[in-house]
Amino acid sequence: MFGDLMGMMGKLKEAQQKVEETKLRLDTVLIDEQSNDGLFKVTLTANRKIKSIHIDDALLEDKEQLEDYFVLVMNKAIERATQINEAELAAAAQDGMPNIPGMDMFK
């Protein structure tokens, strides 16, 4: 019984380590998003950190339009990054989970 518990604890620690490694790797996964006309572009990591923003000069003349572009494109990029982030972290956590009776909800 004690050996089983120690084995499970080791597996949980291994799962936690896999999740941490995945978080680090997600810093290198870049998501590019842009407006339909390409006037506003953003690149961010799968951990939702902004890497770069490009704003075409045409948008600088209309503050309201620029604000609209910013909100729309950033929300789309953050949504895509979040989907990738959650899927990758869930896969890493599930992959390392020990087989604990009654813990089928993680599968």
C-alpha atoms as a PDB file:
ATOM      1  CA  MET A   1       0.000   0.000   0.000  1.00  0.00           C
ATOM      2  CA  PHE A   2       2.749   2.455   0.982  1.00  0.00           C
ATOM      3  CA  GLY A   3       4.691   1.600  -2.176  1.00  0.00           C
ATOM      4  CA  ASP A   4       1.592   2.307  -4.273  1.00  0.00           C
ATOM      5  CA  LEU A   5       1.186   5.683  -2.586  1.00  0.00           C
ATOM      6  CA  MET A   6       4.829   6.583  -3.195  1.00  0.00           C
ATOM      7  CA  GLY A   7       4.455   5.520  -6.821  1.00  0.00           C
ATOM      8  CA  MET A   8       1.392   7.745  -7.207  1.00  0.00           C
ATOM      9  CA  MET A   9       3.173  10.688  -5.598  1.00  0.00           C
ATOM     10  CA  GLY A  10       6.055  10.222  -8.021  1.00  0.00           C
ATOM     11  CA  LYS A  11       3.618  10.140 -10.939  1.00  0.00           C
ATOM     12  CA  LEU A  12       1.911  13.321  -9.737  1.00  0.00           C
ATOM     13  CA  LYS A  13       5.278  15.062  -9.453  1.00  0.00           C
ATOM     14  CA  GLU A  14       6.116  13.839 -12.969  1.00  0.00           C
ATOM     15  CA  ALA A  15       2.784  15.191 -14.265  1.00  0.00           C
ATOM     16  CA  GLN A  16       3.471  18.547 -12.614  1.00  0.00           C
ATOM     17  CA  GLN A  17       6.910  18.639 -14.234  1.00  0.00           C
ATOM     18  CA  LYS A  18       5.385  17.891 -17.656  1.00  0.00           C
ATOM     19  CA  VAL A  19       2.928  20.768 -17.196  1.00  0.00           C
ATOM     20  CA  GLU A  20       5.770  23.147 -16.269  1.00  0.00           C
ATOM     21  CA  GLU A  21       7.806  22.024 -19.303  1.00  0.00           C
ATOM     22  CA  THR A  22       4.760  22.572 -21.514  1.00  0.00           C
ATOM     23  CA  LYS A  23       4.284  26.098 -20.115  1.00  0.00           C
ATOM     24  CA  LEU A  24       7.894  26.919 -21.025  1.00  0.00           C
ATOM     25  CA  ARG A  25       7.458  25.460 -24.520  1.00  0.00           C
ATOM     26  CA  LEU A  26       4.283  27.513 -25.042  1.00  0.00           C
ATOM     27  CA  ASP A  27       6.420  30.654 -24.703  1.00  0.00           C
ATOM     28  CA  THR A  28       7.988  29.642 -28.027  1.00  0.00           C
ATOM     29  CA  VAL A  29       4.684  28.944 -29.827  1.00  0.00           C
ATOM     30  CA  LEU A  30       3.748  32.094 -31.746  1.00  0.00           C
ATOM     31  CA  ILE A  31       0.239  33.015 -32.888  1.00  0.00           C
ATOM     32  CA  ASP A  32      -0.173  35.582 -35.649  1.00  0.00           C
ATOM     33  CA  GLU A  33      -3.514  37.335 -36.043  1.00  0.00           C
ATOM     34  CA  GLN A  34      -4.524  40.241 -38.255  1.00  0.00           C
ATOM     35  CA  SER A  35      -7.491  42.289 -39.375  1.00  0.00           C
ATOM     36  CA  ASN A  36      -9.224  41.171 -42.581  1.00  0.00           C
ATOM     37  CA  ASP A  37      -7.524  43.956 -44.559  1.00  0.00           C
ATOM     38  CA  GLY A  38      -4.104  43.345 -42.973  1.00  0.00           C
ATOM     39  CA  LEU A  39      -3.827  46.879 -41.565  1.00  0.00           C
ATOM     40  CA  PHE A  40      -3.453  45.657 -37.967  1.00  0.00           C
ATOM     41  CA  LYS A  41      -1.316  42.642 -37.037  1.00  0.00           C
ATOM     42  CA  VAL A  42      -0.327  41.126 -33.718  1.00  0.00           C
ATOM     43  CA  THR A  43       1.912  38.250 -32.683  1.00  0.00           C
ATOM     44  CA  LEU A  44       1.687  36.684 -29.246  1.00  0.00           C
ATOM     45  CA  THR A  45       2.817  33.502 -27.536  1.00  0.00           C
ATOM     46  CA  ALA A  46       0.532  30.630 -26.593  1.00  0.00           C
ATOM     47  CA  ASN A  47       1.032  31.901 -23.025  1.00  0.00           C
ATOM     48  CA  ARG A  48      -0.725  35.106 -24.147  1.00  0.00           C
ATOM     49  CA  LYS A  49       2.285  37.424 -24.035  1.00  0.00           C
ATOM     50  CA  ILE A  50       2.375  40.026 -26.818  1.00  0.00           C
ATOM     51  CA  LYS A  51       5.529  39.806 -28.941  1.00  0.00           C
ATOM     52  CA  SER A  52       4.793  42.409 -31.608  1.00  0.00           C
ATOM     53  CA  ILE A  53       2.126  44.720 -33.000  1.00  0.00           C
ATOM     54  CA  HIS A  54       2.064  46.266 -36.474  1.00  0.00           C
ATOM     55  CA  ILE A  55      -0.256  49.191 -37.205  1.00  0.00           C
ATOM     56  CA  ASP A  56      -0.501  50.451 -40.776  1.00  0.00           C
ATOM     57  CA  ASP A  57      -0.140  54.234 -41.142  1.00  0.00           C
ATOM     58  CA  ALA A  58      -3.656  54.395 -42.628  1.00  0.00           C
ATOM     59  CA  LEU A  59      -5.093  53.548 -39.194  1.00  0.00           C
ATOM     60  CA  LEU A  60      -3.244  56.390 -37.468  1.00  0.00           C
ATOM     61  CA  GLU A  61      -5.613  58.933 -38.975  1.00  0.00           C
ATOM     62  CA  ASP A  62      -8.722  57.456 -37.330  1.00  0.00           C
ATOM     63  CA  LYS A  63      -8.401  56.876 -33.590  1.00  0.00           C
ATOM     64  CA  GLU A  64     -11.815  55.211 -33.271  1.00  0.00           C
ATOM     65  CA  GLN A  65     -11.124  52.776 -36.112  1.00  0.00           C
ATOM     66  CA  LEU A  66      -7.703  51.943 -34.642  1.00  0.00           C
ATOM     67  CA  GLU A  67      -9.282  51.233 -31.259  1.00  0.00           C
ATOM     68  CA  ASP A  68     -11.878  48.954 -32.909  1.00  0.00           C
ATOM     69  CA  TYR A  69      -9.159  47.070 -34.800  1.00  0.00           C
ATOM     70  CA  PHE A  70      -7.089  46.726 -31.657  1.00  0.00           C
ATOM     71  CA  VAL A  71      -9.955  45.234 -29.634  1.00  0.00           C
ATOM     72  CA  LEU A  72     -11.129  42.849 -32.384  1.00  0.00           C
ATOM     73  CA  VAL A  73      -7.715  41.528 -33.401  1.00  0.00           C
ATOM     74  CA  MET A  74      -6.381  41.227 -29.847  1.00  0.00           C
ATOM     75  CA  ASN A  75      -9.481  39.338 -28.693  1.00  0.00           C
ATOM     76  CA  LYS A  76      -9.207  36.899 -31.624  1.00  0.00           C
ATOM     77  CA  ALA A  77      -5.498  36.356 -30.934  1.00  0.00           C
ATOM     78  CA  ILE A  78      -6.021  35.857 -27.187  1.00  0.00           C
ATOM     79  CA  GLU A  79      -8.858  33.399 -27.864  1.00  0.00           C
ATOM     80  CA  ARG A  80      -6.664  31.327 -30.219  1.00  0.00           C
ATOM     81  CA  ALA A  81      -3.737  31.423 -27.780  1.00  0.00           C
ATOM     82  CA  THR A  82      -6.006  30.342 -24.907  1.00  0.00           C
ATOM     83  CA  GLN A  83      -7.371  27.373 -26.890  1.00  0.00           C
ATOM     84  CA  ILE A  84      -3.853  26.173 -27.720  1.00  0.00           C
ATOM     85  CA  ASN A  85      -2.633  26.807 -24.166  1.00  0.00           C
ATOM     86  CA  GLU A  86      -5.504  24.915 -22.501  1.00  0.00           C
ATOM     87  CA  ALA A  87      -5.339  21.981 -24.920  1.00  0.00           C
ATOM     88  CA  GLU A  88      -1.572  21.584 -24.489  1.00  0.00           C
ATOM     89  CA  LEU A  89      -1.651  21.871 -20.691  1.00  0.00           C
ATOM     90  CA  ALA A  90      -4.586  19.440 -20.409  1.00  0.00           C
ATOM     91  CA  ALA A  91      -2.737  16.931 -22.586  1.00  0.00           C
ATOM     92  CA  ALA A  92       0.438  17.284 -20.497  1.00  0.00           C
ATOM     93  CA  ALA A  93      -1.464  16.866 -17.218  1.00  0.00           C
ATOM     94  CA  GLN A  94      -3.492  13.892 -18.465  1.00  0.00           C
ATOM     95  CA  ASP A  95      -0.429  12.178 -19.926  1.00  0.00           C
ATOM     96  CA  GLY A  96       1.309  12.161 -16.570  1.00  0.00           C
ATOM     97  CA  MET A  97      -1.637  11.330 -14.317  1.00  0.00           C
ATOM     98  CA  PRO A  98      -1.305   8.114 -12.322  1.00  0.00           C
ATOM     99  CA  ASN A  99      -4.061   5.537 -12.585  1.00  0.00           C
ATOM    100  CA  ILE A 100      -5.970   6.361  -9.384  1.00  0.00           C
ATOM    101  CA  PRO A 101      -9.269   4.554  -8.835  1.00  0.00           C
ATOM    102  CA  GLY A 102     -12.173   6.994  -8.957  1.00  0.00           C
ATOM    103  CA  MET A 103     -10.138   9.633 -10.818  1.00  0.00           C
ATOM    104  CA  ASP A 104     -11.537   8.783 -14.262  1.00  0.00           C
ATOM    105  CA  MET A 105     -12.658  12.387 -14.728  1.00  0.00           C
ATOM    106  CA  PHE A 106      -9.164  13.281 -15.956  1.00  0.00           C
ATOM    107  CA  LYS A 107      -9.348  10.870 -18.866  1.00  0.00           C
END
